[in-house]
Amino acid sequence: MATRALLHVPGAARRGEIVEVRATLAHPMETGYRRDSDGRLLPRDIVNRIECRFDGELVFAADTFPAVAANPYVAFHVQLMSTGSLTVTWSSDKGFAHTEGRRIEVS
């Protein structure tokens, strides 16, 4: 599956500033309750965990469930005290994982 993720974070911030992180992943999110045209259940495949780390330290995490729509979107805030790399990782039921990252300069 070709993956497309969007991660919006500022490229720079002041020390102690609280910044908004917005992230979305193109993923179909199959609940496991729908049937195909032959009546067979489609296997469940949802993004079940979203984690954000700043220089390796966990700063945000969310567990998601079948009620989450396709192409899950999250927005949250992080306080930055130093320059570093912010990464967001999405993982699914079927072992899929995708990570996007950005460096943020803090002055």
N, C-alpha and C. Protein backbone atom coordinates (compact mmCIF):
# COMPACT_ATOMS: atom_id res chain seq x y z
N MET A 1 0.85 -1.18 0.00
CA MET A 1 0.00 0.00 0.00
C MET A 1 0.90 1.24 0.00
N ALA A 2 0.70 2.11 -0.96
CA ALA A 2 1.44 3.37 -0.99
C ALA A 2 0.91 4.25 0.14
N THR A 3 1.82 4.79 0.90
CA THR A 3 1.41 5.58 2.07
C THR A 3 1.66 7.05 1.83
N ARG A 4 0.69 7.84 2.23
CA ARG A 4 0.83 9.28 2.16
C ARG A 4 0.44 9.86 3.51
N ALA A 5 1.37 10.56 4.11
CA ALA A 5 1.12 11.18 5.40
C ALA A 5 1.44 12.66 5.30
N LEU A 6 0.71 13.45 6.04
CA LEU A 6 0.97 14.89 6.12
C LEU A 6 1.24 15.24 7.57
N LEU A 7 2.33 15.96 7.79
CA LEU A 7 2.72 16.38 9.12
C LEU A 7 3.00 17.88 9.07
N HIS A 8 2.22 18.64 9.82
CA HIS A 8 2.36 20.09 9.86
C HIS A 8 2.88 20.51 11.23
N VAL A 9 4.09 21.05 11.24
CA VAL A 9 4.70 21.59 12.45
C VAL A 9 5.51 22.81 12.04
N PRO A 10 5.72 23.75 12.94
CA PRO A 10 6.55 24.90 12.58
C PRO A 10 8.01 24.47 12.43
N GLY A 11 8.76 25.14 11.57
CA GLY A 11 10.17 24.83 11.41
C GLY A 11 11.02 25.45 12.50
N ALA A 12 10.46 26.44 13.19
CA ALA A 12 11.20 27.13 14.25
C ALA A 12 10.23 27.57 15.34
N ALA A 13 10.77 27.68 16.55
CA ALA A 13 9.96 28.12 17.70
C ALA A 13 10.89 28.74 18.74
N ARG A 14 10.30 29.46 19.68
CA ARG A 14 11.06 30.02 20.80
C ARG A 14 11.08 29.01 21.94
N ARG A 15 12.11 29.05 22.73
CA ARG A 15 12.24 28.14 23.88
C ARG A 15 11.02 28.32 24.79
N GLY A 16 10.38 27.19 25.15
CA GLY A 16 9.21 27.21 26.01
C GLY A 16 7.90 27.42 25.27
N GLU A 17 7.96 27.69 23.97
CA GLU A 17 6.74 27.92 23.19
C GLU A 17 5.94 26.62 23.05
N ILE A 18 4.64 26.75 23.07
CA ILE A 18 3.74 25.62 22.83
C ILE A 18 3.31 25.70 21.38
N VAL A 19 3.61 24.63 20.62
CA VAL A 19 3.30 24.61 19.19
C VAL A 19 2.26 23.54 18.89
N GLU A 20 1.51 23.77 17.82
CA GLU A 20 0.51 22.80 17.39
C GLU A 20 1.12 21.83 16.39
N VAL A 21 0.83 20.55 16.57
CA VAL A 21 1.24 19.50 15.64
C VAL A 21 -0.04 18.97 15.02
N ARG A 22 -0.09 18.93 13.68
CA ARG A 22 -1.25 18.38 12.97
C ARG A 22 -0.73 17.27 12.05
N ALA A 23 -1.39 16.11 12.12
CA ALA A 23 -0.92 14.97 11.34
C ALA A 23 -2.09 14.16 10.81
N THR A 24 -1.95 13.70 9.58
CA THR A 24 -2.97 12.83 8.98
C THR A 24 -2.28 11.77 8.14
N LEU A 25 -2.92 10.63 8.02
CA LEU A 25 -2.39 9.50 7.27
C LEU A 25 -3.46 8.98 6.33
N ALA A 26 -3.11 8.78 5.06
CA ALA A 26 -4.04 8.18 4.10
C ALA A 26 -4.10 6.68 4.39
N HIS A 27 -5.22 6.22 4.95
CA HIS A 27 -5.39 4.82 5.30
C HIS A 27 -6.89 4.50 5.26
N PRO A 28 -7.29 3.40 4.64
CA PRO A 28 -8.72 3.13 4.45
C PRO A 28 -9.51 2.77 5.70
N MET A 29 -8.86 2.27 6.76
CA MET A 29 -9.53 1.96 8.04
C MET A 29 -10.72 1.03 7.86
N GLU A 30 -10.46 -0.23 7.58
CA GLU A 30 -11.52 -1.23 7.45
C GLU A 30 -11.86 -1.78 8.84
N THR A 31 -13.13 -1.70 9.24
CA THR A 31 -13.56 -2.05 10.59
C THR A 31 -13.63 -3.54 10.87
N GLY A 32 -13.76 -4.34 9.83
CA GLY A 32 -13.94 -5.78 10.02
C GLY A 32 -15.40 -6.17 10.11
N TYR A 33 -16.31 -5.21 9.98
CA TYR A 33 -17.75 -5.49 10.05
C TYR A 33 -18.43 -5.46 8.68
N ARG A 34 -17.75 -4.90 7.68
CA ARG A 34 -18.35 -4.82 6.33
C ARG A 34 -18.13 -6.12 5.56
N ARG A 35 -18.96 -6.35 4.59
CA ARG A 35 -18.85 -7.55 3.74
C ARG A 35 -18.55 -7.14 2.31
N ASP A 36 -17.84 -8.02 1.61
CA ASP A 36 -17.56 -7.76 0.19
C ASP A 36 -18.77 -8.17 -0.65
N SER A 37 -18.64 -8.08 -1.97
CA SER A 37 -19.79 -8.38 -2.85
C SER A 37 -20.20 -9.85 -2.80
N ASP A 38 -19.33 -10.72 -2.30
CA ASP A 38 -19.66 -12.15 -2.16
C ASP A 38 -20.17 -12.50 -0.77
N GLY A 39 -20.31 -11.50 0.10
CA GLY A 39 -20.84 -11.72 1.44
C GLY A 39 -19.78 -12.07 2.48
N ARG A 40 -18.52 -12.12 2.11
CA ARG A 40 -17.46 -12.43 3.07
C ARG A 40 -17.07 -11.17 3.84
N LEU A 41 -16.79 -11.35 5.14
CA LEU A 41 -16.34 -10.22 5.95
C LEU A 41 -14.98 -9.74 5.46
N LEU A 42 -14.86 -8.43 5.32
CA LEU A 42 -13.56 -7.85 4.98
C LEU A 42 -12.72 -7.82 6.26
N PRO A 43 -11.46 -8.22 6.19
CA PRO A 43 -10.65 -8.27 7.41
C PRO A 43 -10.42 -6.88 7.99
N ARG A 44 -10.42 -6.83 9.30
CA ARG A 44 -10.18 -5.57 10.02
C ARG A 44 -8.77 -5.07 9.71
N ASP A 45 -8.65 -3.79 9.46
CA ASP A 45 -7.34 -3.15 9.25
C ASP A 45 -7.47 -1.69 9.63
N ILE A 46 -7.19 -1.38 10.89
CA ILE A 46 -7.27 0.00 11.35
C ILE A 46 -5.93 0.45 11.89
N VAL A 47 -5.70 1.75 11.82
CA VAL A 47 -4.56 2.33 12.53
C VAL A 47 -4.96 2.31 14.00
N ASN A 48 -4.24 1.54 14.81
CA ASN A 48 -4.65 1.39 16.20
C ASN A 48 -3.78 2.15 17.19
N ARG A 49 -2.70 2.78 16.71
CA ARG A 49 -1.83 3.54 17.62
C ARG A 49 -1.16 4.66 16.84
N ILE A 50 -1.16 5.84 17.45
CA ILE A 50 -0.44 7.00 16.92
C ILE A 50 0.46 7.49 18.03
N GLU A 51 1.75 7.61 17.74
CA GLU A 51 2.70 8.09 18.74
C GLU A 51 3.51 9.24 18.18
N CYS A 52 3.79 10.21 19.03
CA CYS A 52 4.65 11.33 18.66
C CYS A 52 5.80 11.37 19.66
N ARG A 53 6.99 11.48 19.13
CA ARG A 53 8.19 11.58 19.97
C ARG A 53 8.99 12.81 19.58
N PHE A 54 9.58 13.43 20.59
CA PHE A 54 10.49 14.54 20.35
C PHE A 54 11.85 14.11 20.85
N ASP A 55 12.79 13.97 19.93
CA ASP A 55 14.13 13.43 20.23
C ASP A 55 14.05 12.13 21.02
N GLY A 56 13.13 11.26 20.61
CA GLY A 56 13.00 9.94 21.20
C GLY A 56 12.08 9.85 22.41
N GLU A 57 11.74 10.98 23.01
CA GLU A 57 10.87 10.99 24.18
C GLU A 57 9.41 11.08 23.76
N LEU A 58 8.58 10.17 24.28
CA LEU A 58 7.16 10.16 23.96
C LEU A 58 6.50 11.42 24.50
N VAL A 59 5.86 12.21 23.61
CA VAL A 59 5.19 13.44 24.03
C VAL A 59 3.67 13.39 23.77
N PHE A 60 3.22 12.41 22.98
CA PHE A 60 1.80 12.25 22.70
C PHE A 60 1.58 10.82 22.20
N ALA A 61 0.47 10.20 22.63
CA ALA A 61 0.09 8.89 22.13
C ALA A 61 -1.42 8.77 22.15
N ALA A 62 -1.96 8.05 21.18
CA ALA A 62 -3.40 7.81 21.13
C ALA A 62 -3.64 6.41 20.59
N ASP A 63 -4.53 5.69 21.26
CA ASP A 63 -5.01 4.40 20.76
C ASP A 63 -6.32 4.68 20.04
N THR A 64 -6.47 4.13 18.85
CA THR A 64 -7.70 4.36 18.08
C THR A 64 -8.45 3.04 17.93
N PHE A 65 -9.72 3.16 17.57
CA PHE A 65 -10.62 2.01 17.52
C PHE A 65 -11.41 2.04 16.22
N PRO A 66 -12.17 0.98 15.90
CA PRO A 66 -12.85 0.90 14.61
C PRO A 66 -13.75 2.08 14.26
N ALA A 67 -14.22 2.83 15.23
CA ALA A 67 -15.11 3.96 14.94
C ALA A 67 -14.38 5.15 14.31
N VAL A 68 -13.05 5.13 14.29
CA VAL A 68 -12.28 6.22 13.70
C VAL A 68 -12.41 6.16 12.18
N ALA A 69 -12.64 7.30 11.56
CA ALA A 69 -12.84 7.37 10.11
C ALA A 69 -11.56 7.07 9.35
N ALA A 70 -11.70 6.80 8.08
CA ALA A 70 -10.55 6.63 7.20
C ALA A 70 -9.69 7.90 7.24
N ASN A 71 -8.42 7.75 6.94
CA ASN A 71 -7.47 8.86 6.91
C ASN A 71 -7.44 9.61 8.24
N PRO A 72 -7.06 8.91 9.31
CA PRO A 72 -7.12 9.51 10.65
C PRO A 72 -6.29 10.79 10.76
N TYR A 73 -6.88 11.78 11.43
CA TYR A 73 -6.27 13.09 11.64
C TYR A 73 -6.19 13.34 13.14
N VAL A 74 -5.04 13.84 13.59
CA VAL A 74 -4.90 14.24 14.99
C VAL A 74 -4.25 15.62 15.03
N ALA A 75 -4.57 16.36 16.07
CA ALA A 75 -3.94 17.65 16.33
C ALA A 75 -3.72 17.73 17.84
N PHE A 76 -2.56 18.19 18.23
CA PHE A 76 -2.22 18.30 19.65
C PHE A 76 -1.13 19.34 19.80
N HIS A 77 -0.82 19.68 21.04
CA HIS A 77 0.18 20.71 21.31
C HIS A 77 1.36 20.13 22.08
N VAL A 78 2.54 20.68 21.80
CA VAL A 78 3.77 20.24 22.45
C VAL A 78 4.56 21.48 22.85
N GLN A 79 5.10 21.47 24.06
CA GLN A 79 5.95 22.57 24.50
C GLN A 79 7.40 22.21 24.16
N LEU A 80 8.08 23.13 23.49
CA LEU A 80 9.45 22.87 23.03
C LEU A 80 10.45 23.64 23.87
N MET A 81 11.45 22.92 24.36
CA MET A 81 12.49 23.55 25.19
C MET A 81 13.85 23.56 24.49
N SER A 82 14.01 22.75 23.43
CA SER A 82 15.30 22.70 22.73
C SER A 82 15.08 22.26 21.29
N THR A 83 16.07 22.50 20.46
CA THR A 83 16.03 22.05 19.08
C THR A 83 16.03 20.54 19.05
N GLY A 84 15.27 19.98 18.12
CA GLY A 84 15.25 18.52 18.02
C GLY A 84 14.37 18.03 16.89
N SER A 85 14.23 16.73 16.83
CA SER A 85 13.43 16.08 15.79
C SER A 85 12.13 15.56 16.37
N LEU A 86 11.04 15.89 15.71
CA LEU A 86 9.72 15.43 16.09
C LEU A 86 9.30 14.36 15.09
N THR A 87 8.88 13.18 15.57
CA THR A 87 8.42 12.11 14.69
C THR A 87 7.03 11.65 15.11
N VAL A 88 6.22 11.33 14.12
CA VAL A 88 4.90 10.76 14.37
C VAL A 88 4.88 9.39 13.69
N THR A 89 4.46 8.36 14.45
CA THR A 89 4.38 7.01 13.92
C THR A 89 2.95 6.50 14.03
N TRP A 90 2.44 5.97 12.93
CA TRP A 90 1.14 5.33 12.88
C TRP A 90 1.38 3.84 12.74
N SER A 91 0.65 3.00 13.49
CA SER A 91 0.78 1.55 13.33
C SER A 91 -0.62 0.94 13.28
N SER A 92 -0.73 -0.19 12.54
CA SER A 92 -2.04 -0.80 12.33
C SER A 92 -2.09 -2.24 12.80
N ASP A 93 -3.29 -2.80 12.74
CA ASP A 93 -3.53 -4.19 13.13
C ASP A 93 -2.67 -5.18 12.35
N LYS A 94 -2.42 -4.90 11.10
CA LYS A 94 -1.74 -5.86 10.22
C LYS A 94 -0.22 -5.69 10.21
N GLY A 95 0.34 -4.99 11.19
CA GLY A 95 1.78 -4.83 11.24
C GLY A 95 2.32 -3.66 10.45
N PHE A 96 1.45 -2.91 9.81
CA PHE A 96 1.85 -1.72 9.07
C PHE A 96 2.34 -0.65 10.05
N ALA A 97 3.40 0.03 9.68
CA ALA A 97 3.86 1.19 10.46
C ALA A 97 4.45 2.21 9.51
N HIS A 98 4.17 3.47 9.78
CA HIS A 98 4.71 4.56 8.96
C HIS A 98 5.12 5.69 9.89
N THR A 99 6.29 6.26 9.63
CA THR A 99 6.81 7.36 10.45
C THR A 99 7.14 8.55 9.56
N GLU A 100 6.73 9.72 10.01
CA GLU A 100 7.09 10.99 9.37
C GLU A 100 7.78 11.84 10.43
N GLY A 101 8.77 12.61 10.02
CA GLY A 101 9.48 13.43 11.00
C GLY A 101 9.86 14.81 10.46
N ARG A 102 10.07 15.73 11.37
CA ARG A 102 10.51 17.09 11.03
C ARG A 102 11.46 17.57 12.11
N ARG A 103 12.42 18.36 11.72
CA ARG A 103 13.33 18.99 12.67
C ARG A 103 12.77 20.36 13.00
N ILE A 104 12.82 20.72 14.28
CA ILE A 104 12.33 22.02 14.73
C ILE A 104 13.47 22.74 15.43
N GLU A 105 13.81 23.91 14.93
CA GLU A 105 14.86 24.74 15.52
C GLU A 105 14.27 25.60 16.63
N VAL A 106 14.84 25.53 17.80
CA VAL A 106 14.36 26.32 18.94
C VAL A 106 15.43 27.32 19.33
N SER A 107 15.02 28.60 19.44
CA SER A 107 15.99 29.65 19.81
C SER A 107 15.67 30.23 21.16
